[in-house]
Amino acid sequence: MPKTVGVIGMGYVGLTLTAALARKGYTVYGVDASPRVVEALSNGRIHVYEPGVEEAFAEHLGSTVFISDRLPENLRLDAAILSVSTPVDLSTGTPDLRNLADAAQDVAERCGPDTLVVVRSTVPIGTSRAVVLPALTARWGKAKLVMAPERTIQGQALRELVELPQVIGGLDEESLQAGIEVFSGLADQIVPVSSIETAEMVKLSNNCHTDLIYAFGNELALIAEQHGLDPLEVIRATNLDYPRPDLAKPGYVGGGCLSKDPYLMIASTSRSPYLVGQARKLNERLPAHVAERVVELVRETVGRTEGVRLSVLGWAYKGWPATDDMRGTPIADMMPLFRAAGFVVSGHDPLVSDEVIREYGGEPVSLDKAFADADAMIVINDHPDYRALEAETMLGSSDLRVIFDSWRILDEAAVIRNGVRYAGIGYVAKEETTV
């Protein structure tokens, strides 16, 4: 039988969960502290880009999806799911758990011990027991509590919420069984684990491992750069028919999870981890390193940097699966270096609004003008629109002298044939190429 649940926090995690639950027949009461978010969602306006969410709200809003700034009174909820943000102060690495504590307190005041409380926010190990549980037991005496981490990728969330195994760790057996009952109507596979702390560590392990994998690809690119080698050639040859884990290509590592969760893992330990922090430092350093390389290439090729027109393609932190998310975007660390060099920066992104591009210091332009009216270009993300570009056509009437293709998605040979210098992460093409 479908459940009635409250989802506290209508950010990316809570919003996609609300849509997925509604599509499975649940009745969902979505809660957010932001009046702007509540007003928008109550009128069916979705404030983040995720395929399928707008359609789910259009179908279910007002019938099985209800949005407010608080949980309903005098209504028994099967579960109250905490999906609030747990930000990290990146200057100190310190997690801020006040949103989670406030949400737990609100649930304690509006619900009772028959309601299962689910921690969905990503937290340091031990947080559910140390922060959420005391707020509940202080008011109720006892509580049912589980940790059920969200592990989806942006752009595929509604599918992955169903298809990915749902890990659940409970405070006790009663809590665990209640969690299984709530999520068995959503996910195809349930993975019970022995404790809430185990479930907390599962989420952190997923994202820290991903950060480590990408960091190694970036490390290889930086080493190849010093030797004038092509890191993609090295990685392709390394991976080909070799029966061990594949190496990742170099690239930027941002977003709301990978830029934050390593710090939550570090905050979970009494001894600093050997690898997690170093990988994060390397990945955080990459955008500035690339910006420095772009400035160097422009200076070498154009002969100056002051007044050079730079087009930036791709402002969201990633291009595929497509998103408009600016959390952890490389451009944030690049722009100070571009400004210092005297670049005049224009920008294009298929999903990021003109207003946001301006907020980050760029002047929005069409894709045609990004090629036609620039001296240099950097492609930051690999959105399908950029992968589909015909370099030969786009460069026909262009003044471009330098293209830094971060993801190596353009036709390198065509770029060079048009007299444009071509580079990527850890790589600068020779004057002639056989690619």
Protein backbone atom coordinates (compact mmCIF):
# COMPACT_ATOMS: atom_id res chain seq x y z
CA MET A 1 0.00 0.00 0.00
CA PRO A 2 1.49 3.42 -0.95
CA LYS A 3 2.71 5.50 1.96
CA THR A 4 2.16 9.06 3.11
CA VAL A 5 5.47 10.78 3.69
CA GLY A 6 6.90 14.19 4.41
CA VAL A 7 10.06 15.31 2.64
CA ILE A 8 11.82 18.14 4.46
CA GLY A 9 14.07 20.11 2.14
CA MET A 10 13.16 20.77 -1.48
CA GLY A 11 16.67 21.07 -2.83
CA TYR A 12 17.89 18.68 -5.48
CA VAL A 13 17.71 15.56 -3.28
CA GLY A 14 14.31 16.26 -1.78
CA LEU A 15 12.76 17.51 -5.00
CA THR A 16 13.74 14.49 -7.08
CA LEU A 17 12.69 12.11 -4.30
CA THR A 18 9.29 13.83 -4.10
CA ALA A 19 8.78 13.42 -7.84
CA ALA A 20 9.89 9.79 -7.83
CA LEU A 21 7.68 8.89 -4.87
CA ALA A 22 4.67 10.60 -6.45
CA ARG A 23 5.17 8.61 -9.65
CA LYS A 24 5.07 5.44 -7.53
CA GLY A 25 1.75 6.37 -5.90
CA TYR A 26 2.95 7.87 -2.62
CA THR A 27 1.33 10.94 -1.12
CA VAL A 28 4.09 13.44 -0.44
CA TYR A 29 4.14 16.61 1.65
CA GLY A 30 7.16 18.62 0.57
CA VAL A 31 8.55 21.21 2.96
CA ASP A 32 11.08 23.98 2.47
CA ALA A 33 12.14 26.95 4.59
CA SER A 34 12.55 29.23 1.56
CA PRO A 35 9.38 31.20 0.71
CA ARG A 36 10.65 31.57 -2.85
CA VAL A 37 11.01 27.81 -3.29
CA VAL A 38 7.62 27.11 -1.69
CA GLU A 39 5.89 29.69 -3.88
CA ALA A 40 7.52 28.41 -7.07
CA LEU A 41 6.87 24.72 -6.44
CA SER A 42 3.31 25.36 -5.29
CA ASN A 43 2.70 26.80 -8.76
CA GLY A 44 4.50 24.00 -10.57
CA ARG A 45 7.65 26.00 -11.34
CA ILE A 46 10.68 23.79 -10.84
CA HIS A 47 13.74 25.64 -9.59
CA VAL A 48 16.37 23.08 -10.62
CA TYR A 49 16.84 21.26 -13.91
CA GLU A 50 16.20 17.52 -13.81
CA PRO A 51 14.45 15.58 -16.59
CA GLY A 52 11.02 14.32 -15.55
CA VAL A 53 10.52 16.39 -12.42
CA GLU A 54 8.44 19.12 -14.05
CA GLU A 55 6.21 16.51 -15.66
CA ALA A 56 5.76 14.66 -12.35
CA PHE A 57 4.71 17.87 -10.61
CA ALA A 58 2.34 18.76 -13.42
CA GLU A 59 0.63 15.40 -12.97
CA HIS A 60 0.56 15.10 -9.19
CA LEU A 61 0.70 18.59 -7.65
CA GLY A 62 -2.45 19.25 -5.63
CA SER A 63 -3.57 15.61 -5.67
CA THR A 64 -0.74 13.58 -4.14
CA VAL A 65 2.00 16.24 -3.92
CA PHE A 66 1.58 19.20 -1.57
CA ILE A 67 4.16 21.91 -0.92
CA SER A 68 4.36 24.09 2.21
CA ASP A 69 6.77 25.70 4.63
CA ARG A 70 5.87 23.17 7.35
CA LEU A 71 4.60 19.66 7.81
CA PRO A 72 0.82 19.28 8.10
CA GLU A 73 -0.68 19.13 11.58
CA ASN A 74 -2.92 16.29 12.78
CA LEU A 75 -1.86 13.98 9.94
CA ARG A 76 -0.03 10.76 10.66
CA LEU A 77 2.95 10.35 8.35
CA ASP A 78 4.46 6.96 7.67
CA ALA A 79 7.83 8.65 7.33
CA ALA A 80 9.47 12.05 7.61
CA ILE A 81 12.48 12.22 5.32
CA LEU A 82 15.20 14.75 6.12
CA SER A 83 16.83 15.93 2.89
CA VAL A 84 18.14 19.33 3.94
CA SER A 85 21.51 20.69 2.92
CA THR A 86 24.59 19.95 5.01
CA PRO A 87 27.05 22.52 3.67
CA VAL A 88 30.77 22.60 4.34
CA ASP A 89 32.89 25.68 4.96
CA LEU A 90 35.50 24.98 2.28
CA SER A 91 38.00 27.34 3.93
CA THR A 92 38.09 25.16 7.06
CA GLY A 93 36.49 21.88 5.95
CA THR A 94 33.96 22.18 8.77
CA PRO A 95 30.46 20.76 8.17
CA ASP A 96 27.45 22.90 9.11
CA LEU A 97 24.74 20.61 10.49
CA ARG A 98 22.36 23.28 11.74
CA ASN A 99 19.83 22.67 8.95
CA LEU A 100 19.66 19.01 9.90
CA ALA A 101 19.30 19.77 13.59
CA ASP A 102 16.51 22.28 12.88
CA ALA A 103 14.69 19.80 10.63
CA ALA A 104 14.90 17.09 13.27
CA GLN A 105 13.49 19.48 15.84
CA ASP A 106 10.58 20.42 13.54
CA VAL A 107 9.77 16.76 12.96
CA ALA A 108 9.89 16.09 16.70
CA GLU A 109 7.37 18.86 17.29
CA ARG A 110 4.94 17.89 14.52
CA CYS A 111 5.15 14.11 14.42
CA GLY A 112 5.32 11.30 16.97
CA PRO A 113 7.13 8.03 17.65
CA ASP A 114 4.96 6.14 15.15
CA THR A 115 6.51 8.16 12.29
CA LEU A 116 9.73 6.75 10.89
CA VAL A 117 12.41 9.43 10.58
CA VAL A 118 14.73 8.99 7.60
CA VAL A 119 18.03 10.82 7.27
CA ARG A 120 18.68 11.29 3.55
CA SER A 121 21.10 14.20 3.82
CA THR A 122 24.77 13.33 3.44
CA VAL A 123 26.44 13.58 6.84
CA PRO A 124 29.64 12.68 8.71
CA ILE A 125 29.58 9.20 10.20
CA GLY A 126 27.73 9.26 13.51
CA THR A 127 25.60 12.32 12.76
CA SER A 128 22.20 10.59 12.62
CA ARG A 129 22.74 9.20 16.10
CA ALA A 130 24.42 12.27 17.56
CA VAL A 131 22.33 15.09 16.03
CA VAL A 132 18.96 13.72 14.89
CA LEU A 133 18.19 11.05 17.49
CA PRO A 134 18.49 13.29 20.60
CA ALA A 135 15.96 15.78 19.17
CA LEU A 136 13.46 12.96 18.67
CA THR A 137 13.92 11.12 21.95
CA ALA A 138 13.88 14.31 23.99
CA ARG A 139 10.30 14.81 22.89
CA TRP A 140 9.07 11.29 22.18
CA GLY A 141 11.07 9.11 24.56
CA LYS A 142 11.75 6.63 21.75
CA ALA A 143 12.09 6.89 17.98
CA LYS A 144 12.29 4.90 14.78
CA LEU A 145 15.28 6.18 12.81
CA VAL A 146 17.06 5.07 9.64
CA MET A 147 19.74 6.40 7.35
CA ALA A 148 18.85 5.87 3.67
CA PRO A 149 21.40 7.78 1.57
CA GLU A 150 20.67 9.32 -1.83
CA ARG A 151 23.17 8.18 -4.47
CA THR A 152 21.79 9.41 -7.79
CA ILE A 153 23.54 11.26 -10.59
CA GLN A 154 22.13 14.51 -11.85
CA GLY A 155 20.35 14.11 -15.13
CA GLN A 156 19.25 10.55 -14.37
CA ALA A 157 17.85 10.88 -10.86
CA LEU A 158 14.29 9.69 -11.40
CA ARG A 159 15.49 6.53 -13.09
CA GLU A 160 18.25 5.84 -10.59
CA LEU A 161 15.98 6.38 -7.57
CA VAL A 162 14.13 3.29 -8.76
CA GLU A 163 16.95 1.24 -10.28
CA LEU A 164 19.84 1.82 -7.87
CA PRO A 165 19.91 -0.41 -4.76
CA GLN A 166 18.55 1.50 -1.77
CA VAL A 167 20.87 1.10 1.21
CA ILE A 168 19.14 1.32 4.60
CA GLY A 169 20.68 1.26 8.06
CA GLY A 170 18.44 1.32 11.12
CA LEU A 171 18.74 2.34 14.73
CA ASP A 172 17.27 -1.05 15.64
CA GLU A 173 15.38 -3.90 13.97
CA GLU A 174 12.02 -2.13 14.24
CA SER A 175 13.45 0.95 12.54
CA LEU A 176 15.11 -1.11 9.83
CA GLN A 177 11.93 -3.00 8.99
CA ALA A 178 9.98 0.27 8.84
CA GLY A 179 12.58 1.70 6.47
CA ILE A 180 12.41 -1.35 4.23
CA GLU A 181 8.63 -1.06 4.13
CA VAL A 182 8.74 2.63 3.17
CA PHE A 183 11.33 2.28 0.39
CA SER A 184 10.28 -1.09 -1.03
CA GLY A 185 7.55 0.71 -2.96
CA LEU A 186 10.16 2.91 -4.65
CA ALA A 187 13.40 1.03 -5.26
CA ASP A 188 13.74 -2.26 -7.10
CA GLN A 189 16.35 -3.53 -4.64
CA ILE A 190 16.76 -2.91 -0.91
CA VAL A 191 20.12 -3.43 0.79
CA PRO A 192 19.77 -3.57 4.58
CA VAL A 193 22.98 -2.88 6.51
CA SER A 194 23.79 -3.42 10.16
CA SER A 195 23.64 0.16 11.46
CA ILE A 196 22.86 3.75 10.62
CA GLU A 197 26.59 4.50 10.72
CA THR A 198 27.24 1.86 8.05
CA ALA A 199 24.70 3.50 5.78
CA GLU A 200 26.23 6.92 6.42
CA MET A 201 29.64 5.59 5.41
CA VAL A 202 28.27 3.95 2.25
CA LYS A 203 27.29 7.33 0.80
CA LEU A 204 30.60 8.93 1.70
CA SER A 205 32.50 5.94 0.31
CA ASN A 206 30.75 6.16 -3.06
CA ASN A 207 31.60 9.81 -3.57
CA CYS A 208 35.09 9.81 -2.07
CA HIS A 209 36.02 6.84 -4.27
CA THR A 210 34.76 8.70 -7.34
CA ASP A 211 36.79 11.74 -6.32
CA LEU A 212 39.89 9.56 -5.94
CA ILE A 213 39.41 7.92 -9.35
CA TYR A 214 39.08 11.27 -11.09
CA ALA A 215 42.01 12.69 -9.15
CA PHE A 216 44.29 9.96 -10.47
CA GLY A 217 43.30 10.77 -14.05
CA ASN A 218 44.11 14.41 -13.33
CA GLU A 219 47.42 13.44 -11.75
CA LEU A 220 48.38 11.57 -14.91
CA ALA A 221 47.45 14.58 -17.04
CA LEU A 222 49.66 16.88 -15.00
CA ILE A 223 52.59 14.46 -15.27
CA ALA A 224 52.05 14.00 -19.01
CA GLU A 225 51.98 17.77 -19.41
CA GLN A 226 55.49 18.03 -17.99
CA HIS A 227 56.78 15.54 -20.57
CA GLY A 228 54.88 16.83 -23.58
CA LEU A 229 52.82 13.63 -23.77
CA ASP A 230 49.16 13.14 -24.58
CA PRO A 231 47.40 11.90 -21.42
CA LEU A 232 44.47 10.50 -23.40
CA GLU A 233 46.86 8.39 -25.49
CA VAL A 234 48.47 7.11 -22.29
CA ILE A 235 45.09 6.30 -20.72
CA ARG A 236 43.68 4.65 -23.86
CA ALA A 237 46.72 2.41 -24.21
CA THR A 238 46.74 1.63 -20.50
CA ASN A 239 43.08 0.59 -20.48
CA LEU A 240 42.89 -1.33 -23.76
CA ASP A 241 42.03 -4.99 -23.04
CA TYR A 242 43.82 -4.79 -19.70
CA PRO A 243 41.91 -6.79 -17.06
CA ARG A 244 42.24 -4.37 -14.15
CA PRO A 245 40.20 -1.26 -13.24
CA ASP A 246 40.17 1.34 -16.01
CA LEU A 247 41.83 4.69 -15.52
CA ALA A 248 39.59 7.76 -15.70
CA LYS A 249 40.15 10.53 -18.19
CA PRO A 250 41.23 13.88 -16.75
CA GLY A 251 38.54 16.43 -16.06
CA TYR A 252 36.98 18.82 -13.59
CA VAL A 253 35.37 17.35 -10.47
CA GLY A 254 32.64 19.58 -9.05
CA GLY A 255 28.99 19.45 -8.16
CA GLY A 256 27.17 19.50 -4.86
CA CYS A 257 28.43 16.09 -3.71
CA LEU A 258 31.99 15.48 -4.89
CA SER A 259 33.12 18.95 -3.86
CA LYS A 260 31.70 18.48 -0.34
CA ASP A 261 31.53 14.85 0.70
CA PRO A 262 35.29 14.25 1.06
CA TYR A 263 35.26 16.90 3.79
CA LEU A 264 32.41 15.05 5.50
CA MET A 265 34.49 11.86 5.41
CA ILE A 266 37.47 13.73 6.86
CA ALA A 267 35.21 15.16 9.58
CA SER A 268 34.22 11.58 10.44
CA THR A 269 37.73 10.59 11.47
CA SER A 270 40.00 11.32 14.40
CA ARG A 271 43.06 10.79 12.18
CA SER A 272 43.32 12.59 8.86
CA PRO A 273 42.89 10.12 5.95
CA TYR A 274 45.90 9.50 3.72
CA LEU A 275 44.17 9.82 0.35
CA VAL A 276 40.80 11.57 0.57
CA GLY A 277 42.05 15.05 1.37
CA GLN A 278 44.91 14.95 -1.12
CA ALA A 279 42.65 13.85 -3.94
CA ARG A 280 40.24 16.68 -3.16
CA LYS A 281 43.09 19.22 -3.12
CA LEU A 282 44.27 18.06 -6.52
CA ASN A 283 40.78 18.23 -8.03
CA GLU A 284 40.19 21.67 -6.50
CA ARG A 285 43.48 22.91 -7.91
CA LEU A 286 42.77 21.81 -11.49
CA PRO A 287 40.51 24.70 -12.65
CA ALA A 288 43.04 27.33 -11.62
CA HIS A 289 45.85 25.32 -13.24
CA VAL A 290 43.88 25.18 -16.49
CA ALA A 291 43.15 28.91 -16.32
CA GLU A 292 46.86 29.58 -15.93
CA ARG A 293 47.60 27.40 -18.96
CA VAL A 294 44.98 29.23 -21.01
CA VAL A 295 46.57 32.57 -20.11
CA GLU A 296 50.02 31.23 -21.06
CA LEU A 297 48.81 29.88 -24.39
CA VAL A 298 47.06 33.13 -25.25
CA ARG A 299 50.14 35.15 -24.37
CA GLU A 300 52.36 32.88 -26.49
CA THR A 301 49.97 32.82 -29.44
CA VAL A 302 48.35 36.27 -29.48
CA GLY A 303 51.29 38.13 -27.97
CA ARG A 304 49.23 39.78 -25.24
CA THR A 305 46.42 39.07 -22.80
CA GLU A 306 44.97 42.50 -22.08
CA GLY A 307 41.74 42.98 -24.00
CA VAL A 308 41.76 39.48 -25.47
CA ARG A 309 38.22 38.21 -26.09
CA LEU A 310 37.71 34.84 -24.42
CA SER A 311 34.62 32.70 -25.04
CA VAL A 312 33.69 30.20 -22.35
CA LEU A 313 31.48 27.28 -23.41
CA GLY A 314 29.85 25.44 -20.52
CA TRP A 315 29.25 27.18 -17.18
CA ALA A 316 27.51 24.38 -15.29
CA TYR A 317 29.86 22.08 -13.40
CA LYS A 318 29.30 19.28 -15.92
CA GLY A 319 27.76 18.77 -19.34
CA TRP A 320 26.62 15.16 -19.24
CA PRO A 321 24.20 14.17 -17.92
CA ALA A 322 23.10 17.72 -18.61
CA THR A 323 22.51 20.05 -15.68
CA ASP A 324 22.27 23.73 -14.80
CA ASP A 325 23.98 23.16 -11.43
CA MET A 326 26.70 25.71 -10.68
CA ARG A 327 27.90 24.15 -7.43
CA GLY A 328 31.60 23.43 -7.77
CA THR A 329 31.73 24.90 -11.27
CA PRO A 330 35.28 25.32 -12.61
CA ILE A 331 34.54 28.84 -13.85
CA ALA A 332 34.34 30.13 -10.27
CA ASP A 333 38.08 29.51 -9.77
CA MET A 334 39.01 30.46 -13.32
CA MET A 335 37.40 33.89 -13.52
CA PRO A 336 39.76 35.67 -11.09
CA LEU A 337 42.71 34.59 -13.24
CA PHE A 338 40.97 35.58 -16.46
CA ARG A 339 40.14 39.00 -15.01
CA ALA A 340 43.72 39.48 -13.80
CA ALA A 341 44.94 38.70 -17.32
CA GLY A 342 42.64 41.38 -18.75
CA PHE A 343 40.43 39.00 -20.72
CA VAL A 344 37.00 40.13 -21.88
CA VAL A 345 34.91 37.07 -21.13
CA SER A 346 31.76 36.00 -22.94
CA GLY A 347 29.80 32.90 -22.08
CA HIS A 348 27.42 30.27 -23.42
CA ASP A 349 25.67 27.34 -21.77
CA PRO A 350 22.64 25.41 -23.06
CA LEU A 351 20.99 25.36 -19.61
CA VAL A 352 22.54 28.04 -17.42
CA SER A 353 20.63 31.32 -17.59
CA ASP A 354 22.07 34.58 -18.89
CA GLU A 355 21.55 36.06 -15.43
CA VAL A 356 23.78 33.43 -13.81
CA ILE A 357 26.48 33.82 -16.48
CA ARG A 358 26.51 37.55 -15.73
CA GLU A 359 26.70 36.88 -11.99
CA TYR A 360 29.90 34.93 -12.58
CA GLY A 361 31.40 37.71 -14.70
CA GLY A 362 30.64 36.73 -18.28
CA GLU A 363 28.58 38.35 -21.00
CA PRO A 364 26.07 35.88 -22.48
CA VAL A 365 26.38 35.21 -26.20
CA SER A 366 24.97 32.80 -28.77
CA LEU A 367 27.03 29.79 -29.78
CA ASP A 368 27.69 31.32 -33.20
CA LYS A 369 29.00 34.54 -31.67
CA ALA A 370 31.10 32.59 -29.16
CA PHE A 371 33.09 31.36 -32.17
CA ALA A 372 32.84 34.40 -34.42
CA ASP A 373 33.63 37.16 -31.93
CA ALA A 374 36.50 35.77 -29.86
CA ASP A 375 40.28 35.48 -29.94
CA ALA A 376 40.38 32.44 -27.66
CA MET A 377 37.97 29.85 -26.35
CA ILE A 378 37.78 27.36 -23.51
CA VAL A 379 35.29 24.50 -23.58
CA ILE A 380 34.65 23.70 -19.92
CA ASN A 381 31.96 21.03 -20.06
CA ASP A 382 30.95 18.32 -22.50
CA HIS A 383 27.29 19.09 -23.05
CA PRO A 384 25.91 17.12 -26.07
CA ASP A 385 25.45 20.39 -27.97
CA TYR A 386 29.20 20.91 -27.79
CA ARG A 387 30.01 17.31 -28.68
CA ALA A 388 27.91 17.75 -31.82
CA LEU A 389 29.77 20.85 -33.01
CA GLU A 390 31.31 20.74 -36.48
CA ALA A 391 34.60 22.50 -35.86
CA GLU A 392 35.31 23.00 -39.55
CA THR A 393 32.02 24.85 -40.03
CA MET A 394 32.18 26.89 -36.84
CA LEU A 395 35.74 28.06 -37.49
CA GLY A 396 35.13 29.08 -41.11
CA SER A 397 34.67 32.79 -40.36
CA SER A 398 36.20 32.86 -36.89
CA ASP A 399 39.04 34.96 -35.48
CA LEU A 400 39.92 32.31 -32.92
CA ARG A 401 43.61 31.73 -32.31
CA VAL A 402 43.45 29.35 -29.34
CA ILE A 403 40.98 26.66 -28.28
CA PHE A 404 41.38 24.90 -24.96
CA ASP A 405 39.13 21.86 -25.26
CA SER A 406 38.97 20.54 -21.70
CA TRP A 407 37.19 17.29 -22.60
CA ARG A 408 38.83 16.82 -26.03
CA ILE A 409 35.44 16.65 -27.76
CA LEU A 410 36.17 18.85 -30.79
CA ASP A 411 37.84 17.62 -33.98
CA GLU A 412 41.48 18.37 -33.20
CA ALA A 413 42.65 17.99 -36.79
CA ALA A 414 39.97 20.39 -38.05
CA VAL A 415 40.91 22.96 -35.42
CA ILE A 416 44.56 22.85 -36.40
CA ARG A 417 43.77 22.94 -40.15
CA ASN A 418 42.03 26.26 -39.50
CA GLY A 419 45.20 27.71 -37.98
CA VAL A 420 43.96 27.54 -34.39
CA ARG A 421 46.16 26.34 -31.58
CA TYR A 422 44.59 23.36 -29.84
CA ALA A 423 45.06 22.22 -26.22
CA GLY A 424 43.37 20.20 -23.52
CA ILE A 425 43.98 19.22 -19.92
CA GLY A 426 47.63 18.15 -19.73
CA TYR A 427 48.03 18.49 -23.50
CA VAL A 428 49.06 20.93 -26.22
CA ALA A 429 48.85 19.73 -29.83
CA LYS A 430 51.85 19.94 -32.08
CA GLU A 431 51.67 22.14 -35.14
CA GLU A 432 50.84 19.18 -37.33
CA THR A 433 48.71 16.28 -36.21
CA THR A 434 47.89 12.85 -37.56
CA VAL A 435 44.77 12.49 -35.41
